[in-house]
Amino acid sequence: FHALMARSDAVASRVLRNMARRVGDLQRL
């Protein structure tokens, strides 16, 4: 996973957006 993040900026950007959304979901819960 970490190698994938380092290889592609586009993939890393999508991962970080998903992470922010999921952390928000957990906060709302």
PDB file of all heavy atoms in Angstrom:
ATOM      1  N   PHE A   1       0.829  -1.203   0.000  1.00  0.00           N
ATOM      2  CA  PHE A   1       0.000   0.000   0.000  1.00  0.00           C
ATOM      3  C   PHE A   1       0.865   1.255   0.000  1.00  0.00           C
ATOM      4  O   PHE A   1       0.631   2.192  -0.777  1.00  0.00           O
ATOM      5  CB  PHE A   1      -0.930  -0.019   1.213  1.00  0.00           C
ATOM      6  CG  PHE A   1      -1.616   1.289   1.483  1.00  0.00           C
ATOM      7  CD1 PHE A   1      -2.661   1.720   0.674  1.00  0.00           C
ATOM      8  CD2 PHE A   1      -1.201   2.096   2.531  1.00  0.00           C
ATOM      9  CE1 PHE A   1      -3.300   2.933   0.925  1.00  0.00           C
ATOM     10  CE2 PHE A   1      -1.825   3.303   2.787  1.00  0.00           C
ATOM     11  CZ  PHE A   1      -2.876   3.725   1.978  1.00  0.00           C
ATOM     12  N   HIS A   2       1.855   1.299   0.856  1.00  0.00           N
ATOM     13  CA  HIS A   2       2.716   2.487   0.927  1.00  0.00           C
ATOM     14  C   HIS A   2       3.532   2.659  -0.354  1.00  0.00           C
ATOM     15  O   HIS A   2       3.759   3.797  -0.796  1.00  0.00           O
ATOM     16  CB  HIS A   2       3.622   2.398   2.148  1.00  0.00           C
ATOM     17  CG  HIS A   2       2.885   2.544   3.448  1.00  0.00           C
ATOM     18  ND1 HIS A   2       2.182   3.679   3.780  1.00  0.00           N
ATOM     19  CD2 HIS A   2       2.722   1.681   4.497  1.00  0.00           C
ATOM     20  CE1 HIS A   2       1.623   3.522   4.971  1.00  0.00           C
ATOM     21  NE2 HIS A   2       1.936   2.313   5.425  1.00  0.00           N
ATOM     22  N   ALA A   3       3.930   1.558  -0.968  1.00  0.00           N
ATOM     23  CA  ALA A   3       4.642   1.648  -2.249  1.00  0.00           C
ATOM     24  C   ALA A   3       3.732   2.212  -3.328  1.00  0.00           C
ATOM     25  O   ALA A   3       4.159   3.017  -4.182  1.00  0.00           O
ATOM     26  CB  ALA A   3       5.169   0.268  -2.653  1.00  0.00           C
ATOM     27  N   LEU A   4       2.461   1.806  -3.293  1.00  0.00           N
ATOM     28  CA  LEU A   4       1.486   2.325  -4.253  1.00  0.00           C
ATOM     29  C   LEU A   4       1.297   3.828  -4.070  1.00  0.00           C
ATOM     30  O   LEU A   4       1.249   4.592  -5.046  1.00  0.00           O
ATOM     31  CB  LEU A   4       0.154   1.602  -4.070  1.00  0.00           C
ATOM     32  CG  LEU A   4      -1.043   2.121  -4.876  1.00  0.00           C
ATOM     33  CD1 LEU A   4      -0.803   1.935  -6.372  1.00  0.00           C
ATOM     34  CD2 LEU A   4      -2.326   1.399  -4.443  1.00  0.00           C
ATOM     35  N   MET A   5       1.205   4.279  -2.820  1.00  0.00           N
ATOM     36  CA  MET A   5       1.043   5.708  -2.539  1.00  0.00           C
ATOM     37  C   MET A   5       2.240   6.507  -3.066  1.00  0.00           C
ATOM     38  O   MET A   5       2.086   7.615  -3.593  1.00  0.00           O
ATOM     39  CB  MET A   5       0.901   5.921  -1.025  1.00  0.00           C
ATOM     40  CG  MET A   5      -0.377   5.360  -0.430  1.00  0.00           C
ATOM     41  SD  MET A   5      -1.787   6.470  -0.648  1.00  0.00           S
ATOM     42  CE  MET A   5      -1.383   7.761   0.532  1.00  0.00           C
ATOM     43  N   ALA A   6       3.425   5.954  -2.928  1.00  0.00           N
ATOM     44  CA  ALA A   6       4.627   6.655  -3.390  1.00  0.00           C
ATOM     45  C   ALA A   6       4.739   6.663  -4.907  1.00  0.00           C
ATOM     46  O   ALA A   6       5.306   7.599  -5.490  1.00  0.00           O
ATOM     47  CB  ALA A   6       5.866   5.999  -2.779  1.00  0.00           C
ATOM     48  N   ARG A   7       4.167   5.666  -5.547  1.00  0.00           N
ATOM     49  CA  ARG A   7       4.311   5.526  -7.002  1.00  0.00           C
ATOM     50  C   ARG A   7       3.406   6.501  -7.756  1.00  0.00           C
ATOM     51  O   ARG A   7       3.773   7.016  -8.810  1.00  0.00           O
ATOM     52  CB  ARG A   7       3.990   4.092  -7.416  1.00  0.00           C
ATOM     53  CG  ARG A   7       4.163   3.821  -8.903  1.00  0.00           C
ATOM     54  CD  ARG A   7       3.739   2.424  -9.284  1.00  0.00           C
ATOM     55  NE  ARG A   7       4.022   2.190 -10.692  1.00  0.00           N
ATOM     56  CZ  ARG A   7       5.079   1.540 -11.146  1.00  0.00           C
ATOM     57  NH1 ARG A   7       5.975   1.053 -10.292  1.00  0.00           N
ATOM     58  NH2 ARG A   7       5.263   1.365 -12.441  1.00  0.00           N
ATOM     59  N   SER A   8       2.197   6.740  -7.245  1.00  0.00           N
ATOM     60  CA  SER A   8       1.216   7.519  -8.003  1.00  0.00           C
ATOM     61  C   SER A   8       0.631   8.635  -7.151  1.00  0.00           C
ATOM     62  O   SER A   8      -0.053   8.377  -6.157  1.00  0.00           O
ATOM     63  CB  SER A   8       0.090   6.602  -8.500  1.00  0.00           C
ATOM     64  OG  SER A   8      -0.956   7.349  -9.062  1.00  0.00           O
ATOM     65  N   ASP A   9       0.876   9.885  -7.568  1.00  0.00           N
ATOM     66  CA  ASP A   9       0.295  11.026  -6.855  1.00  0.00           C
ATOM     67  C   ASP A   9      -1.226  11.028  -6.966  1.00  0.00           C
ATOM     68  O   ASP A   9      -1.938  11.420  -6.033  1.00  0.00           O
ATOM     69  CB  ASP A   9       0.851  12.334  -7.414  1.00  0.00           C
ATOM     70  CG  ASP A   9       2.318  12.535  -7.067  1.00  0.00           C
ATOM     71  OD1 ASP A   9       2.797  11.876  -6.126  1.00  0.00           O
ATOM     72  OD2 ASP A   9       2.988  13.329  -7.753  1.00  0.00           O
ATOM     73  N   ALA A  10      -1.732  10.586  -8.106  1.00  0.00           N
ATOM     74  CA  ALA A  10      -3.182  10.576  -8.308  1.00  0.00           C
ATOM     75  C   ALA A  10      -3.860   9.588  -7.359  1.00  0.00           C
ATOM     76  O   ALA A  10      -4.898   9.892  -6.754  1.00  0.00           O
ATOM     77  CB  ALA A  10      -3.503  10.239  -9.760  1.00  0.00           C
ATOM     78  N   VAL A  11      -3.264   8.379  -7.232  1.00  0.00           N
ATOM     79  CA  VAL A  11      -3.814   7.385  -6.307  1.00  0.00           C
ATOM     80  C   VAL A  11      -3.726   7.899  -4.873  1.00  0.00           C
ATOM     81  O   VAL A  11      -4.677   7.783  -4.093  1.00  0.00           O
ATOM     82  CB  VAL A  11      -3.069   6.040  -6.458  1.00  0.00           C
ATOM     83  CG1 VAL A  11      -3.440   5.098  -5.315  1.00  0.00           C
ATOM     84  CG2 VAL A  11      -3.405   5.391  -7.795  1.00  0.00           C
ATOM     85  N   ALA A  12      -2.575   8.497  -4.511  1.00  0.00           N
ATOM     86  CA  ALA A  12      -2.403   9.025  -3.158  1.00  0.00           C
ATOM     87  C   ALA A  12      -3.447  10.094  -2.847  1.00  0.00           C
ATOM     88  O   ALA A  12      -3.994  10.150  -1.738  1.00  0.00           O
ATOM     89  CB  ALA A  12      -0.992   9.589  -2.998  1.00  0.00           C
ATOM     90  N   SER A  13      -3.752  10.949  -3.825  1.00  0.00           N
ATOM     91  CA  SER A  13      -4.743  11.998  -3.621  1.00  0.00           C
ATOM     92  C   SER A  13      -6.118  11.392  -3.362  1.00  0.00           C
ATOM     93  O   SER A  13      -6.858  11.843  -2.479  1.00  0.00           O
ATOM     94  CB  SER A  13      -4.783  12.915  -4.846  1.00  0.00           C
ATOM     95  OG  SER A  13      -5.771  13.907  -4.703  1.00  0.00           O
ATOM     96  N   ARG A  14      -6.490  10.355  -4.131  1.00  0.00           N
ATOM     97  CA  ARG A  14      -7.787   9.708  -3.924  1.00  0.00           C
ATOM     98  C   ARG A  14      -7.856   9.056  -2.539  1.00  0.00           C
ATOM     99  O   ARG A  14      -8.883   9.123  -1.852  1.00  0.00           O
ATOM    100  CB  ARG A  14      -8.025   8.657  -5.013  1.00  0.00           C
ATOM    101  CG  ARG A  14      -8.174   9.215  -6.418  1.00  0.00           C
ATOM    102  CD  ARG A  14      -8.610   8.118  -7.394  1.00  0.00           C
ATOM    103  NE  ARG A  14      -8.549   8.605  -8.760  1.00  0.00           N
ATOM    104  CZ  ARG A  14      -7.568   8.316  -9.619  1.00  0.00           C
ATOM    105  NH1 ARG A  14      -6.579   7.524  -9.248  1.00  0.00           N
ATOM    106  NH2 ARG A  14      -7.594   8.803 -10.851  1.00  0.00           N
ATOM    107  N   VAL A  15      -6.777   8.412  -2.144  1.00  0.00           N
ATOM    108  CA  VAL A  15      -6.733   7.749  -0.840  1.00  0.00           C
ATOM    109  C   VAL A  15      -6.947   8.763   0.277  1.00  0.00           C
ATOM    110  O   VAL A  15      -7.728   8.544   1.211  1.00  0.00           O
ATOM    111  CB  VAL A  15      -5.396   7.009  -0.656  1.00  0.00           C
ATOM    112  CG1 VAL A  15      -5.209   6.600   0.810  1.00  0.00           C
ATOM    113  CG2 VAL A  15      -5.345   5.769  -1.546  1.00  0.00           C
ATOM    114  N   LEU A  16      -6.272   9.917   0.184  1.00  0.00           N
ATOM    115  CA  LEU A  16      -6.381  10.928   1.238  1.00  0.00           C
ATOM    116  C   LEU A  16      -7.775  11.542   1.290  1.00  0.00           C
ATOM    117  O   LEU A  16      -8.291  11.858   2.365  1.00  0.00           O
ATOM    118  CB  LEU A  16      -5.312  12.001   1.043  1.00  0.00           C
ATOM    119  CG  LEU A  16      -3.860  11.524   1.250  1.00  0.00           C
ATOM    120  CD1 LEU A  16      -2.875  12.631   0.908  1.00  0.00           C
ATOM    121  CD2 LEU A  16      -3.651  11.056   2.680  1.00  0.00           C
ATOM    122  N   ARG A  17      -8.399  11.716   0.131  1.00  0.00           N
ATOM    123  CA  ARG A  17      -9.777  12.227   0.124  1.00  0.00           C
ATOM    124  C   ARG A  17     -10.724  11.232   0.795  1.00  0.00           C
ATOM    125  O   ARG A  17     -11.610  11.621   1.572  1.00  0.00           O
ATOM    126  CB  ARG A  17     -10.226  12.517  -1.310  1.00  0.00           C
ATOM    127  CG  ARG A  17      -9.628  13.779  -1.917  1.00  0.00           C
ATOM    128  CD  ARG A  17     -10.440  14.246  -3.118  1.00  0.00           C
ATOM    129  NE  ARG A  17     -10.537  13.241  -4.167  1.00  0.00           N
ATOM    130  CZ  ARG A  17      -9.660  13.104  -5.164  1.00  0.00           C
ATOM    131  NH1 ARG A  17      -8.620  13.926  -5.239  1.00  0.00           N
ATOM    132  NH2 ARG A  17      -9.820  12.180  -6.083  1.00  0.00           N
ATOM    133  N   ASN A  18     -10.540   9.946   0.479  1.00  0.00           N
ATOM    134  CA  ASN A  18     -11.376   8.915   1.096  1.00  0.00           C
ATOM    135  C   ASN A  18     -11.173   8.877   2.614  1.00  0.00           C
ATOM    136  O   ASN A  18     -12.118   8.716   3.382  1.00  0.00           O
ATOM    137  CB  ASN A  18     -11.066   7.547   0.501  1.00  0.00           C
ATOM    138  CG  ASN A  18     -11.627   7.389  -0.900  1.00  0.00           C
ATOM    139  OD1 ASN A  18     -12.509   8.145  -1.313  1.00  0.00           O
ATOM    140  ND2 ASN A  18     -11.118   6.413  -1.636  1.00  0.00           N
ATOM    141  N   MET A  19      -9.923   9.026   3.005  1.00  0.00           N
ATOM    142  CA  MET A  19      -9.624   8.999   4.435  1.00  0.00           C
ATOM    143  C   MET A  19     -10.330  10.145   5.158  1.00  0.00           C
ATOM    144  O   MET A  19     -10.933   9.950   6.223  1.00  0.00           O
ATOM    145  CB  MET A  19      -8.114   9.084   4.658  1.00  0.00           C
ATOM    146  CG  MET A  19      -7.716   9.131   6.119  1.00  0.00           C
ATOM    147  SD  MET A  19      -5.933   9.259   6.337  1.00  0.00           S
ATOM    148  CE  MET A  19      -5.851   9.417   8.132  1.00  0.00           C
ATOM    149  N   ALA A  20     -10.263  11.350   4.603  1.00  0.00           N
ATOM    150  CA  ALA A  20     -10.913  12.508   5.232  1.00  0.00           C
ATOM    151  C   ALA A  20     -12.410  12.278   5.358  1.00  0.00           C
ATOM    152  O   ALA A  20     -13.026  12.612   6.388  1.00  0.00           O
ATOM    153  CB  ALA A  20     -10.616  13.760   4.423  1.00  0.00           C
ATOM    154  N   ARG A  21     -13.015  11.697   4.320  1.00  0.00           N
ATOM    155  CA  ARG A  21     -14.460  11.436   4.369  1.00  0.00           C
ATOM    156  C   ARG A  21     -14.799  10.410   5.447  1.00  0.00           C
ATOM    157  O   ARG A  21     -15.774  10.571   6.188  1.00  0.00           O
ATOM    158  CB  ARG A  21     -14.922  10.946   2.998  1.00  0.00           C
ATOM    159  CG  ARG A  21     -16.391  10.529   2.928  1.00  0.00           C
ATOM    160  CD  ARG A  21     -16.824  10.272   1.501  1.00  0.00           C
ATOM    161  NE  ARG A  21     -15.968   9.318   0.832  1.00  0.00           N
ATOM    162  CZ  ARG A  21     -16.086   7.987   0.936  1.00  0.00           C
ATOM    163  NH1 ARG A  21     -17.036   7.483   1.729  1.00  0.00           N
ATOM    164  NH2 ARG A  21     -15.290   7.177   0.272  1.00  0.00           N
ATOM    165  N   ARG A  22     -13.976   9.361   5.558  1.00  0.00           N
ATOM    166  CA  ARG A  22     -14.281   8.307   6.530  1.00  0.00           C
ATOM    167  C   ARG A  22     -14.064   8.782   7.965  1.00  0.00           C
ATOM    168  O   ARG A  22     -14.810   8.407   8.872  1.00  0.00           O
ATOM    169  CB  ARG A  22     -13.429   7.062   6.253  1.00  0.00           C
ATOM    170  CG  ARG A  22     -13.836   6.372   4.964  1.00  0.00           C
ATOM    171  CD  ARG A  22     -13.332   4.958   4.855  1.00  0.00           C
ATOM    172  NE  ARG A  22     -13.860   4.365   3.653  1.00  0.00           N
ATOM    173  CZ  ARG A  22     -13.224   4.323   2.475  1.00  0.00           C
ATOM    174  NH1 ARG A  22     -12.009   4.832   2.362  1.00  0.00           N
ATOM    175  NH2 ARG A  22     -13.797   3.771   1.430  1.00  0.00           N
ATOM    176  N   VAL A  23     -13.041   9.576   8.192  1.00  0.00           N
ATOM    177  CA  VAL A  23     -12.842  10.135   9.527  1.00  0.00           C
ATOM    178  C   VAL A  23     -14.047  10.999   9.910  1.00  0.00           C
ATOM    179  O   VAL A  23     -14.515  10.971  11.052  1.00  0.00           O
ATOM    180  CB  VAL A  23     -11.531  10.943   9.598  1.00  0.00           C
ATOM    181  CG1 VAL A  23     -11.459  11.736  10.907  1.00  0.00           C
ATOM    182  CG2 VAL A  23     -10.329  10.013   9.484  1.00  0.00           C
ATOM    183  N   GLY A  24     -14.571  11.747   8.953  1.00  0.00           N
ATOM    184  CA  GLY A  24     -15.776  12.546   9.210  1.00  0.00           C
ATOM    185  C   GLY A  24     -16.959  11.668   9.559  1.00  0.00           C
ATOM    186  O   GLY A  24     -17.756  11.999  10.447  1.00  0.00           O
ATOM    187  N   ASP A  25     -17.093  10.521   8.851  1.00  0.00           N
ATOM    188  CA  ASP A  25     -18.188   9.587   9.162  1.00  0.00           C
ATOM    189  C   ASP A  25     -18.083   9.074  10.597  1.00  0.00           C
ATOM    190  O   ASP A  25     -19.088   8.967  11.312  1.00  0.00           O
ATOM    191  CB  ASP A  25     -18.169   8.409   8.188  1.00  0.00           C
ATOM    192  CG  ASP A  25     -18.565   8.809   6.772  1.00  0.00           C
ATOM    193  OD1 ASP A  25     -19.191   9.879   6.612  1.00  0.00           O
ATOM    194  OD2 ASP A  25     -18.241   8.052   5.831  1.00  0.00           O
ATOM    195  N   LEU A  26     -16.857   8.738  11.013  1.00  0.00           N
ATOM    196  CA  LEU A  26     -16.652   8.232  12.369  1.00  0.00           C
ATOM    197  C   LEU A  26     -16.960   9.316  13.401  1.00  0.00           C
ATOM    198  O   LEU A  26     -17.537   9.034  14.461  1.00  0.00           O
ATOM    199  CB  LEU A  26     -15.210   7.736  12.538  1.00  0.00           C
ATOM    200  CG  LEU A  26     -14.844   6.466  11.756  1.00  0.00           C
ATOM    201  CD1 LEU A  26     -13.358   6.183  11.873  1.00  0.00           C
ATOM    202  CD2 LEU A  26     -15.649   5.269  12.272  1.00  0.00           C
ATOM    203  N   GLN A  27     -16.606  10.553  13.102  1.00  0.00           N
ATOM    204  CA  GLN A  27     -16.908  11.654  14.018  1.00  0.00           C
ATOM    205  C   GLN A  27     -18.410  11.840  14.164  1.00  0.00           C
ATOM    206  O   GLN A  27     -18.919  12.042  15.273  1.00  0.00           O
ATOM    207  CB  GLN A  27     -16.254  12.942  13.515  1.00  0.00           C
ATOM    208  CG  GLN A  27     -14.738  12.952  13.633  1.00  0.00           C
ATOM    209  CD  GLN A  27     -14.118  14.177  12.992  1.00  0.00           C
ATOM    210  OE1 GLN A  27     -14.662  14.744  12.045  1.00  0.00           O
ATOM    211  NE2 GLN A  27     -12.959  14.588  13.497  1.00  0.00           N
ATOM    212  N   ARG A  28     -19.130  11.778  13.035  1.00  0.00           N
ATOM    213  CA  ARG A  28     -20.584  11.925  13.104  1.00  0.00           C
ATOM    214  C   ARG A  28     -21.215  10.790  13.900  1.00  0.00           C
ATOM    215  O   ARG A  28     -22.159  11.002  14.673  1.00  0.00           O
ATOM    216  CB  ARG A  28     -21.168  11.980  11.690  1.00  0.00           C
ATOM    217  CG  ARG A  28     -20.994  13.326  11.012  1.00  0.00           C
ATOM    218  CD  ARG A  28     -21.832  13.411   9.757  1.00  0.00           C
ATOM    219  NE  ARG A  28     -21.402  12.447   8.751  1.00  0.00           N
ATOM    220  CZ  ARG A  28     -20.418  12.666   7.893  1.00  0.00           C
ATOM    221  NH1 ARG A  28     -19.757  13.813   7.931  1.00  0.00           N
ATOM    222  NH2 ARG A  28     -20.086  11.760   7.000  1.00  0.00           N
ATOM    223  N   LEU A  29     -20.690   9.560  13.712  1.00  0.00           N
ATOM    224  CA  LEU A  29     -21.218   8.424  14.464  1.00  0.00           C
ATOM    225  C   LEU A  29     -21.038   8.642  15.960  1.00  0.00           C
ATOM    226  O   LEU A  29     -21.938   8.383  16.760  1.00  0.00           O
ATOM    227  CB  LEU A  29     -20.504   7.137  14.034  1.00  0.00           C
ATOM    228  CG  LEU A  29     -20.902   5.867  14.798  1.00  0.00           C
ATOM    229  CD1 LEU A  29     -22.337   5.497  14.493  1.00  0.00           C
ATOM    230  CD2 LEU A  29     -19.968   4.714  14.448  1.00  0.00           C
TER     231      LEU A  29
END
